[in-house]
Amino acid sequence: MSAHPTPLSETKRTFFGHPYGLMTLFTTEMWERFSYYSMRAILLYFLIDVTTNDGLGLEKGIGEALTQVYSASVFLLAVIGGWVADRVWGPRRATLYGGIVIVIGHVLLALPIVVTSYLGIMFVALGTGLLKPNISTMVGALYYNDDPRRDGGFSIFYMGINIGSLVSPFAVAAARNWGGYHAGFSVAAIGMAVALILFIFGRKNLPADVDHVPNPLSAEEKKKVTLAVLGALVIVAILMSIYNRFTGVGIIVTVIDTLSLFSVLAPITYFIVMFKSPQVTSAERSRLAAFIPLFLAAMLFWMIFEQAASSMSSFAKDNTELNTGFVTINPEWFQSVNPIFIVALTPIFASFWSHWGSRIPTATKITIGIGLGGLSFIWLGVWAGVYSGVKAPWWVLFLTFIIQTVGELFLSPVGLAATTMLAPRAFKSQAMALWFLASASGQAIAAQTLKATANMSNTSVFISTGAVALIFTVILAALNPWIGRHIHTQEAK
């Protein structure tokens, strides 16, 4: 097979005018996201429900923190997944092995055994970290660099993500209502198994590049890396044991705290390495300095946005009137609001950016995004106070998700573009990893916040969190001219 895809004019089979391999990756990602969001929709409820209902019986604050740090670990492990593909397996094998690990994880969660449940969570996080960055890489491998269909191909691919995440909460809610949590996790296992089968049988539609290892480890390097990984695992295990022994917080809290620490330290380490690298010029360091406040804005936004599976899931189940007068909502259904409005609003935003995007500075767009994130929690906190002691109407949480979705459309694609634009040349290939770490660190902070505020009212937690984001919004707005000057100066050079 050629190392490059066959030009469209010579291809007999296409997928909406794109290389046929896009169908393989589209359907694989759609079902993988279906499985991921199926699990995420019920994970918190499973963790904190009583054991007589087949739950794990964790305290609400600990359950929310564990759910949040699980999601953070997916983004943290995605950095490792990208490295493994670049140095060891290539993107196809990394995706394949990651999918197998995810299936094992969902099967372990489907078993009504406490130990296998925790193992299942670990397996799903590890497998998703392997798969997440590499399937997108394979979409890029379908096209020549100057192929005008590239952007359209990614748009179709991301539509698969939203279809999977939109449908999954409805499917898993029905399964949980019918057979409990483990039936719900079985739905996730089936979804991932379908993804894996489609990926394996669709291999013939993918170019040879998907098996290419860009910078393979030498035999000597493999030995060193293996010893380093084993040594690091032993050291981490010892430190966790010491921490657990002296604090007495328990193994689950120890895991939460350890993953939170790694998630926060990882981006700090990345920035220090880049600033100190002799390969980074003084001009690039100036651009990198301008990127730091944008990175912090993204971190705070994801700290709020990704609580959809933790504090907002709790609010949906315990503090929201689910009877709309026409239909009774399952709390899992709220997880579909974001993908529904992503699909509905993306064409509008795409048209807006095409006509007006160049007139709005990058920093201003991100400022609007983090501002909307903060306002969403202020909105939710105020209404939680208004309906203190009784359940809030369904539309309160529904509109919260819509506000956050609009914020995401301002911040996420723009932040990703800023990452690739402002990263030093020597670190261009690692820019995506840095973007993943913004979400990982934000969610790690959310995990610690949820654990520390478990006894506070919803009003206090939501408003105080939103206020922090709004304060940073004001700071970022003040820094906009400075950021703009740095970006403009570097472009001129």
Protein backbone atom coordinates (compact mmCIF):
# COMPACT_ATOMS: atom_id res chain seq x y z
CA MET A 1 0.00 0.00 0.00
CA SER A 2 1.22 3.48 -0.81
CA ALA A 3 2.52 5.69 1.95
CA HIS A 4 0.04 8.32 0.80
CA PRO A 5 -3.66 8.08 0.06
CA THR A 6 -4.77 7.68 -3.51
CA PRO A 7 -5.95 10.98 -5.06
CA LEU A 8 -9.73 11.32 -5.20
CA SER A 9 -9.79 11.20 -9.00
CA GLU A 10 -8.28 7.70 -8.89
CA THR A 11 -10.36 6.40 -5.98
CA LYS A 12 -13.37 4.23 -6.84
CA ARG A 13 -14.97 4.36 -3.40
CA THR A 14 -15.37 7.54 -1.40
CA PHE A 15 -17.11 8.60 1.80
CA PHE A 16 -19.01 11.85 1.13
CA GLY A 17 -16.33 12.71 -1.41
CA HIS A 18 -13.48 11.87 0.97
CA PRO A 19 -11.03 8.93 1.11
CA TYR A 20 -12.90 5.77 2.11
CA GLY A 21 -10.65 5.40 5.14
CA LEU A 22 -12.52 8.33 6.69
CA MET A 23 -15.57 6.07 7.03
CA THR A 24 -13.50 3.60 9.06
CA LEU A 25 -12.18 6.30 11.39
CA PHE A 26 -15.55 8.12 11.55
CA THR A 27 -17.46 5.01 12.65
CA THR A 28 -14.70 3.88 15.00
CA GLU A 29 -14.58 7.23 16.76
CA MET A 30 -18.38 7.49 16.87
CA TRP A 31 -18.71 4.16 18.69
CA GLU A 32 -15.68 4.81 20.91
CA ARG A 33 -17.18 8.14 22.02
CA PHE A 34 -20.51 6.35 22.49
CA SER A 35 -18.82 3.96 24.91
CA TYR A 36 -16.85 6.69 26.70
CA TYR A 37 -19.84 8.97 27.29
CA SER A 38 -22.08 6.04 28.18
CA MET A 39 -19.74 5.18 31.02
CA ARG A 40 -19.25 8.82 32.04
CA ALA A 41 -22.99 9.49 32.18
CA ILE A 42 -23.54 6.99 35.01
CA LEU A 43 -20.08 6.76 36.62
CA LEU A 44 -20.76 9.25 39.43
CA TYR A 45 -24.15 7.73 40.25
CA PHE A 46 -22.50 4.29 40.41
CA LEU A 47 -19.71 5.49 42.69
CA ILE A 48 -21.95 7.18 45.27
CA ASP A 49 -25.02 4.94 45.22
CA VAL A 50 -25.54 2.54 48.13
CA THR A 51 -24.18 -0.99 47.84
CA THR A 52 -27.68 -2.45 48.01
CA ASN A 53 -28.30 -0.78 44.64
CA ASP A 54 -25.01 -2.20 43.29
CA GLY A 55 -23.22 1.11 43.85
CA LEU A 56 -19.83 1.52 45.52
CA GLY A 57 -21.14 3.62 48.41
CA LEU A 58 -18.59 6.45 48.29
CA GLU A 59 -19.27 9.80 49.91
CA LYS A 60 -20.65 12.31 47.41
CA GLY A 61 -17.62 14.63 47.54
CA ILE A 62 -15.16 11.75 47.11
CA GLY A 63 -17.23 10.31 44.26
CA GLU A 64 -17.32 13.66 42.46
CA ALA A 65 -13.58 14.11 42.94
CA LEU A 66 -12.83 10.59 41.68
CA THR A 67 -15.03 11.12 38.61
CA GLN A 68 -13.22 14.38 37.90
CA VAL A 69 -9.72 13.00 38.36
CA TYR A 70 -10.60 10.00 36.19
CA SER A 71 -11.43 12.40 33.36
CA ALA A 72 -8.25 14.37 34.06
CA SER A 73 -6.19 11.19 33.85
CA VAL A 74 -7.55 10.50 30.35
CA PHE A 75 -6.07 13.79 29.13
CA LEU A 76 -2.87 13.23 31.10
CA LEU A 77 -2.45 9.75 29.63
CA ALA A 78 -3.17 11.09 26.13
CA VAL A 79 0.23 12.78 26.30
CA ILE A 80 1.81 9.38 26.93
CA GLY A 81 -0.37 7.85 24.21
CA GLY A 82 1.00 10.30 21.68
CA TRP A 83 4.57 9.57 22.75
CA VAL A 84 4.04 5.81 22.50
CA ALA A 85 2.72 6.19 18.96
CA ASP A 86 5.66 8.41 17.95
CA ARG A 87 8.36 6.21 19.49
CA VAL A 88 7.04 2.62 19.73
CA TRP A 89 3.88 1.49 17.92
CA GLY A 90 2.70 4.07 15.42
CA PRO A 91 -0.84 5.54 15.54
CA ARG A 92 -2.76 2.49 14.22
CA ARG A 93 -1.37 -0.02 16.69
CA ALA A 94 -1.62 2.46 19.57
CA THR A 95 -5.30 2.97 18.68
CA LEU A 96 -5.88 -0.79 18.31
CA TYR A 97 -4.25 -1.69 21.63
CA GLY A 98 -5.98 1.22 23.33
CA GLY A 99 -9.34 -0.03 22.06
CA ILE A 100 -8.66 -3.53 23.37
CA VAL A 101 -7.78 -2.13 26.81
CA ILE A 102 -10.98 -0.03 26.81
CA VAL A 103 -13.13 -3.08 26.03
CA ILE A 104 -11.49 -4.97 28.90
CA GLY A 105 -12.16 -2.01 31.18
CA HIS A 106 -15.85 -1.81 30.31
CA VAL A 107 -16.23 -5.58 30.77
CA LEU A 108 -14.62 -5.31 34.21
CA LEU A 109 -17.06 -2.52 35.09
CA ALA A 110 -19.97 -4.66 33.89
CA LEU A 111 -19.08 -7.33 36.47
CA PRO A 112 -20.81 -6.84 39.86
CA ILE A 113 -17.52 -6.99 41.78
CA VAL A 114 -16.01 -4.02 43.64
CA VAL A 115 -12.37 -4.77 42.83
CA THR A 116 -13.01 -5.24 39.12
CA SER A 117 -15.00 -1.99 39.05
CA TYR A 118 -11.98 0.04 40.14
CA LEU A 119 -9.74 -1.91 37.76
CA GLY A 120 -12.23 -1.20 34.98
CA ILE A 121 -12.02 2.55 35.58
CA MET A 122 -8.23 2.35 35.37
CA PHE A 123 -8.31 0.29 32.17
CA VAL A 124 -10.75 2.64 30.43
CA ALA A 125 -8.61 5.66 31.34
CA LEU A 126 -5.42 3.99 30.10
CA GLY A 127 -7.00 2.73 26.87
CA THR A 128 -8.61 6.08 26.10
CA GLY A 129 -5.28 7.81 26.65
CA LEU A 130 -3.72 5.52 24.04
CA LEU A 131 -6.55 5.93 21.52
CA LYS A 132 -7.57 9.58 21.93
CA PRO A 133 -4.64 11.45 20.27
CA ASN A 134 -3.83 8.83 17.65
CA ILE A 135 -7.09 8.31 15.81
CA SER A 136 -7.08 12.04 14.93
CA THR A 137 -3.53 11.64 13.65
CA MET A 138 -4.75 8.93 11.26
CA VAL A 139 -7.44 11.24 9.87
CA GLY A 140 -4.65 13.63 8.86
CA ALA A 141 -2.77 10.75 7.20
CA LEU A 142 -5.63 10.30 4.73
CA TYR A 143 -4.81 13.56 2.96
CA TYR A 144 -1.91 15.25 1.24
CA ASN A 145 -0.85 18.38 3.13
CA ASP A 146 -2.32 20.64 0.43
CA ASP A 147 -5.52 18.63 -0.06
CA PRO A 148 -8.44 21.11 0.08
CA ARG A 149 -10.65 18.35 1.56
CA ARG A 150 -8.61 18.13 4.78
CA ASP A 151 -10.65 20.60 6.87
CA GLY A 152 -13.90 19.10 5.63
CA GLY A 153 -12.66 15.63 6.53
CA PHE A 154 -11.95 16.68 10.10
CA SER A 155 -15.40 18.32 10.29
CA ILE A 156 -17.04 15.02 9.28
CA PHE A 157 -14.84 13.15 11.77
CA TYR A 158 -15.78 15.46 14.63
CA MET A 159 -19.43 15.06 13.72
CA GLY A 160 -18.94 11.37 14.54
CA ILE A 161 -17.72 12.37 18.00
CA ASN A 162 -20.85 14.43 18.61
CA ILE A 163 -23.21 11.76 17.28
CA GLY A 164 -21.69 9.20 19.65
CA SER A 165 -21.78 11.51 22.67
CA LEU A 166 -25.31 12.68 21.83
CA VAL A 167 -26.88 9.21 21.61
CA SER A 168 -25.03 7.50 24.46
CA PRO A 169 -26.78 9.10 27.49
CA PHE A 170 -30.18 8.00 26.18
CA ALA A 171 -28.98 4.43 25.56
CA VAL A 172 -27.21 4.04 28.90
CA ALA A 173 -30.14 5.57 30.83
CA ALA A 174 -32.49 3.03 29.28
CA ALA A 175 -30.09 0.19 30.11
CA ARG A 176 -29.63 1.39 33.70
CA ASN A 177 -33.38 1.73 34.20
CA TRP A 178 -33.82 -1.80 32.90
CA GLY A 179 -30.96 -3.68 34.55
CA GLY A 180 -28.96 -1.39 36.83
CA TYR A 181 -25.48 0.10 36.58
CA HIS A 182 -23.75 -3.01 35.31
CA ALA A 183 -26.23 -3.26 32.45
CA GLY A 184 -25.34 0.34 31.63
CA PHE A 185 -21.63 -0.48 31.60
CA SER A 186 -22.41 -3.44 29.34
CA VAL A 187 -23.82 -0.97 26.81
CA ALA A 188 -20.49 0.87 26.91
CA ALA A 189 -18.63 -2.42 26.43
CA ILE A 190 -20.77 -3.31 23.41
CA GLY A 191 -20.24 0.13 21.89
CA MET A 192 -16.47 -0.15 22.20
CA ALA A 193 -16.48 -3.71 20.86
CA VAL A 194 -18.34 -2.46 17.76
CA ALA A 195 -15.75 0.32 17.38
CA LEU A 196 -12.92 -2.18 17.60
CA ILE A 197 -14.46 -4.56 15.04
CA LEU A 198 -15.06 -1.72 12.57
CA PHE A 199 -11.49 -0.54 13.04
CA ILE A 200 -9.97 -3.98 12.50
CA PHE A 201 -12.00 -4.75 9.37
CA GLY A 202 -11.47 -1.23 8.02
CA ARG A 203 -7.67 -1.52 8.10
CA LYS A 204 -7.56 -2.04 4.32
CA ASN A 205 -9.01 1.45 3.83
CA LEU A 206 -6.16 3.20 5.66
CA PRO A 207 -2.83 4.33 4.19
CA ALA A 208 0.47 2.70 5.14
CA ASP A 209 1.46 5.86 7.02
CA VAL A 210 -0.75 4.84 9.94
CA ASP A 211 1.79 2.14 10.85
CA HIS A 212 4.79 4.46 10.57
CA VAL A 213 6.75 5.13 13.77
CA PRO A 214 8.21 8.64 13.26
CA ASN A 215 11.03 8.42 15.79
CA PRO A 216 11.47 4.78 16.90
CA LEU A 217 13.35 3.93 20.06
CA SER A 218 16.64 2.12 19.63
CA ALA A 219 17.18 -1.17 21.46
CA GLU A 220 19.29 0.62 24.06
CA GLU A 221 16.66 3.33 24.50
CA LYS A 222 13.94 0.71 24.99
CA LYS A 223 15.90 -0.81 27.88
CA LYS A 224 16.41 2.60 29.47
CA VAL A 225 12.77 3.59 29.05
CA THR A 226 11.56 0.26 30.47
CA LEU A 227 13.79 0.61 33.53
CA ALA A 228 12.78 4.27 33.95
CA VAL A 229 9.07 3.44 33.80
CA LEU A 230 9.40 0.56 36.26
CA GLY A 231 11.48 2.71 38.58
CA ALA A 232 8.99 5.56 38.40
CA LEU A 233 6.08 3.23 39.18
CA VAL A 234 7.90 1.81 42.19
CA ILE A 235 8.75 5.30 43.48
CA VAL A 236 5.17 6.52 43.00
CA ALA A 237 3.82 3.43 44.79
CA ILE A 238 6.19 3.99 47.73
CA LEU A 239 5.34 7.68 47.98
CA MET A 240 1.61 6.93 47.81
CA SER A 241 2.00 4.34 50.56
CA ILE A 242 3.88 6.82 52.77
CA TYR A 243 1.31 9.55 52.08
CA ASN A 244 -1.54 7.18 52.87
CA ARG A 245 0.10 5.96 56.06
CA PHE A 246 0.81 9.42 57.49
CA THR A 247 -2.42 11.13 56.44
CA GLY A 248 -4.80 8.20 56.92
CA VAL A 249 -7.01 9.49 54.09
CA GLY A 250 -7.47 6.08 52.44
CA ILE A 251 -6.31 4.67 49.15
CA ILE A 252 -9.01 6.33 47.00
CA VAL A 253 -8.22 9.83 48.26
CA THR A 254 -4.51 9.07 47.90
CA VAL A 255 -5.05 8.16 44.25
CA ILE A 256 -7.11 11.33 43.71
CA ASP A 257 -4.42 13.51 45.28
CA THR A 258 -1.59 11.79 43.39
CA LEU A 259 -3.23 12.12 39.98
CA SER A 260 -4.18 15.71 40.76
CA LEU A 261 -0.57 16.51 41.60
CA PHE A 262 0.74 14.93 38.39
CA SER A 263 -1.90 16.73 36.32
CA VAL A 264 -0.86 20.12 37.70
CA LEU A 265 2.90 19.49 37.61
CA ALA A 266 2.92 18.19 34.01
CA PRO A 267 2.12 21.51 32.25
CA ILE A 268 4.41 23.41 34.64
CA THR A 269 7.22 21.04 33.66
CA TYR A 270 6.41 21.49 29.98
CA PHE A 271 6.62 25.28 30.24
CA ILE A 272 9.89 25.17 32.20
CA VAL A 273 11.46 22.81 29.66
CA MET A 274 10.40 25.05 26.78
CA PHE A 275 11.59 28.25 28.41
CA LYS A 276 14.99 26.73 29.25
CA SER A 277 15.52 24.85 26.00
CA PRO A 278 18.49 26.17 23.95
CA GLN A 279 16.42 25.39 20.84
CA VAL A 280 13.92 28.12 21.79
CA THR A 281 14.83 31.61 20.62
CA SER A 282 14.27 34.77 22.64
CA ALA A 283 11.50 35.73 20.23
CA GLU A 284 9.79 32.39 20.78
CA ARG A 285 10.09 32.80 24.56
CA SER A 286 8.25 36.09 24.22
CA ARG A 287 5.46 34.37 22.32
CA LEU A 288 5.41 31.59 24.91
CA ALA A 289 5.00 34.16 27.69
CA ALA A 290 1.95 35.51 25.87
CA PHE A 291 0.51 32.00 25.72
CA ILE A 292 0.63 31.41 29.49
CA PRO A 293 -2.45 33.54 30.40
CA LEU A 294 -4.36 31.90 27.52
CA PHE A 295 -3.40 28.48 28.87
CA LEU A 296 -4.59 29.47 32.36
CA ALA A 297 -7.89 30.66 30.89
CA ALA A 298 -8.36 27.28 29.19
CA MET A 299 -7.48 25.50 32.42
CA LEU A 300 -10.13 27.44 34.37
CA PHE A 301 -12.71 26.93 31.64
CA TRP A 302 -12.24 23.14 31.59
CA MET A 303 -12.32 23.16 35.40
CA ILE A 304 -15.92 24.35 35.08
CA PHE A 305 -16.99 22.72 31.82
CA GLU A 306 -15.86 19.19 32.69
CA GLN A 307 -17.89 19.18 35.91
CA ALA A 308 -20.73 18.02 33.66
CA ALA A 309 -19.96 14.49 34.87
CA SER A 310 -19.47 15.40 38.53
CA SER A 311 -21.12 18.34 40.33
CA MET A 312 -23.57 19.04 37.51
CA SER A 313 -24.54 15.35 37.38
CA SER A 314 -25.21 15.49 41.11
CA PHE A 315 -27.33 18.62 40.63
CA ALA A 316 -29.27 16.90 37.85
CA LYS A 317 -30.07 13.88 40.01
CA ASP A 318 -30.61 15.47 43.43
CA ASN A 319 -31.60 19.11 42.87
CA THR A 320 -33.46 19.24 39.55
CA GLU A 321 -37.17 18.70 38.96
CA LEU A 322 -37.03 16.12 36.19
CA ASN A 323 -40.74 16.23 35.36
CA THR A 324 -41.17 18.83 32.60
CA GLY A 325 -44.94 18.47 32.45
CA PHE A 326 -44.65 16.58 29.18
CA VAL A 327 -41.99 13.96 29.92
CA THR A 328 -39.89 12.86 32.88
CA ILE A 329 -36.20 13.39 32.13
CA ASN A 330 -33.53 10.90 33.10
CA PRO A 331 -30.63 12.80 34.74
CA GLU A 332 -28.22 11.21 32.24
CA TRP A 333 -30.02 13.00 29.38
CA PHE A 334 -28.48 16.34 30.34
CA GLN A 335 -25.15 14.97 29.05
CA SER A 336 -26.61 15.21 25.53
CA VAL A 337 -27.33 18.95 25.66
CA ASN A 338 -23.74 19.92 24.81
CA PRO A 339 -23.33 17.72 21.70
CA ILE A 340 -26.82 18.69 20.44
CA PHE A 341 -25.95 22.38 20.53
CA ILE A 342 -22.41 21.81 19.26
CA VAL A 343 -23.98 20.27 16.14
CA ALA A 344 -26.57 23.06 15.90
CA LEU A 345 -24.26 26.03 16.54
CA THR A 346 -21.02 24.96 14.82
CA PRO A 347 -22.21 25.98 11.30
CA ILE A 348 -23.26 29.38 12.67
CA PHE A 349 -19.90 29.90 14.36
CA ALA A 350 -18.01 28.67 11.29
CA SER A 351 -19.81 31.26 9.16
CA PHE A 352 -19.24 33.96 11.76
CA TRP A 353 -15.50 33.23 12.02
CA SER A 354 -15.21 33.25 8.23
CA HIS A 355 -16.67 36.76 8.00
CA TRP A 356 -15.66 38.41 11.28
CA GLY A 357 -13.10 36.15 12.94
CA SER A 358 -10.03 38.06 11.71
CA ARG A 359 -11.38 41.27 13.28
CA ILE A 360 -11.55 39.76 16.78
CA PRO A 361 -8.15 39.13 18.43
CA THR A 362 -7.37 35.61 19.64
CA ALA A 363 -7.08 36.73 23.26
CA THR A 364 -10.48 38.45 23.08
CA LYS A 365 -12.18 35.28 21.82
CA ILE A 366 -10.67 33.24 24.65
CA THR A 367 -11.64 35.95 27.14
CA ILE A 368 -15.25 35.67 26.01
CA GLY A 369 -15.04 31.88 26.36
CA ILE A 370 -13.78 31.88 29.94
CA GLY A 371 -16.24 34.66 30.80
CA LEU A 372 -19.16 32.53 29.62
CA GLY A 373 -17.80 29.60 31.59
CA GLY A 374 -17.79 31.70 34.76
CA LEU A 375 -21.24 33.11 34.06
CA SER A 376 -22.67 29.60 33.61
CA PHE A 377 -21.77 28.70 37.19
CA ILE A 378 -22.94 32.08 38.53
CA TRP A 379 -26.26 31.42 36.78
CA LEU A 380 -26.49 27.91 38.23
CA GLY A 381 -25.46 29.06 41.70
CA VAL A 382 -28.01 31.89 41.82
CA TRP A 383 -30.89 29.62 40.80
CA ALA A 384 -29.69 26.95 43.23
CA GLY A 385 -30.11 29.61 45.93
CA VAL A 386 -33.53 30.69 44.69
CA TYR A 387 -34.72 27.09 44.85
CA SER A 388 -32.89 26.21 48.06
CA GLY A 389 -34.73 23.41 49.83
CA VAL A 390 -36.71 22.46 46.73
CA LYS A 391 -35.76 21.21 43.29
CA ALA A 392 -34.92 23.69 40.55
CA PRO A 393 -36.77 23.56 37.20
CA TRP A 394 -35.13 21.47 34.49
CA TRP A 395 -34.45 24.53 32.34
CA VAL A 396 -31.96 25.95 34.87
CA LEU A 397 -29.43 23.19 34.24
CA PHE A 398 -30.40 22.99 30.55
CA LEU A 399 -29.48 26.66 30.01
CA THR A 400 -26.29 26.19 32.04
CA PHE A 401 -25.12 23.61 29.50
CA ILE A 402 -26.04 25.92 26.60
CA ILE A 403 -24.03 28.83 28.05
CA GLN A 404 -21.04 26.54 28.50
CA THR A 405 -21.40 25.21 24.95
CA VAL A 406 -21.25 28.72 23.50
CA GLY A 407 -18.20 29.37 25.67
CA GLU A 408 -16.61 26.18 24.37
CA LEU A 409 -17.10 27.30 20.76
CA PHE A 410 -15.35 30.58 21.56
CA LEU A 411 -12.48 29.01 23.48
CA SER A 412 -11.74 25.47 22.31
CA PRO A 413 -10.96 25.78 18.57
CA VAL A 414 -9.39 29.20 19.05
CA GLY A 415 -7.23 27.95 21.93
CA LEU A 416 -6.05 25.00 19.89
CA ALA A 417 -5.08 27.31 17.02
CA ALA A 418 -3.27 29.61 19.47
CA THR A 419 -1.38 26.64 20.89
CA THR A 420 0.00 25.66 17.49
CA MET A 421 0.68 29.30 16.60
CA LEU A 422 2.54 30.32 19.76
CA ALA A 423 4.42 27.10 20.55
CA PRO A 424 8.18 27.24 19.82
CA ARG A 425 9.19 25.59 16.55
CA ALA A 426 11.15 22.86 18.34
CA PHE A 427 8.00 21.91 20.28
CA LYS A 428 5.39 22.12 17.52
CA SER A 429 4.74 18.39 17.57
CA GLN A 430 4.08 18.52 21.32
CA ALA A 431 1.66 21.44 21.15
CA MET A 432 -1.35 19.10 21.20
CA ALA A 433 -0.05 17.47 24.38
CA LEU A 434 0.14 20.87 26.04
CA TRP A 435 -3.47 21.58 25.07
CA PHE A 436 -4.59 18.27 26.59
CA LEU A 437 -2.78 19.22 29.79
CA ALA A 438 -4.88 22.39 30.15
CA SER A 439 -7.92 20.15 30.56
CA ALA A 440 -6.06 17.69 32.81
CA SER A 441 -4.84 20.37 35.21
CA GLY A 442 -8.20 22.17 35.24
CA GLN A 443 -10.02 18.97 36.13
CA ALA A 444 -7.42 18.10 38.76
CA ILE A 445 -8.11 21.44 40.44
CA ALA A 446 -11.84 20.72 40.17
CA ALA A 447 -11.31 17.34 41.85
CA GLN A 448 -9.57 18.95 44.81
CA THR A 449 -12.20 21.70 44.99
CA LEU A 450 -15.06 19.21 45.00
CA LYS A 451 -13.38 17.15 47.70
CA ALA A 452 -12.74 20.21 49.87
CA THR A 453 -16.23 21.73 49.44
CA ALA A 454 -18.26 18.55 49.92
CA ASN A 455 -20.10 20.06 52.91
CA MET A 456 -20.81 23.44 51.31
CA SER A 457 -24.08 24.37 49.61
CA ASN A 458 -24.47 24.22 45.85
CA THR A 459 -25.01 27.97 45.81
CA SER A 460 -21.70 28.67 47.56
CA VAL A 461 -19.68 26.22 45.45
CA PHE A 462 -21.07 27.25 42.06
CA ILE A 463 -20.97 31.00 42.69
CA SER A 464 -17.48 30.99 44.23
CA THR A 465 -16.11 28.87 41.36
CA GLY A 466 -17.79 31.09 38.77
CA ALA A 467 -16.49 34.21 40.54
CA VAL A 468 -12.90 32.95 40.31
CA ALA A 469 -13.35 32.47 36.55
CA LEU A 470 -14.89 35.93 36.15
CA ILE A 471 -12.07 37.57 38.11
CA PHE A 472 -9.57 35.93 35.79
CA THR A 473 -11.70 37.06 32.84
CA VAL A 474 -11.22 40.68 33.93
CA ILE A 475 -7.46 40.11 34.35
CA LEU A 476 -7.22 38.49 30.93
CA ALA A 477 -9.19 41.34 29.34
CA ALA A 478 -6.69 43.78 30.83
CA LEU A 479 -3.82 41.69 29.43
CA ASN A 480 -5.35 41.49 25.92
CA PRO A 481 -3.35 44.43 24.50
CA TRP A 482 -0.09 43.03 25.94
CA ILE A 483 -0.83 39.57 24.51
CA GLY A 484 -1.73 41.09 21.15
CA ARG A 485 1.52 43.05 21.01
CA HIS A 486 3.57 39.93 21.71
CA ILE A 487 1.75 37.93 19.05
CA HIS A 488 2.04 40.75 16.51
CA THR A 489 5.68 41.40 17.28
CA GLN A 490 6.59 37.76 16.84
CA GLU A 491 4.70 37.49 13.58
CA ALA A 492 6.59 40.52 12.30
CA LYS A 493 9.88 38.85 13.12
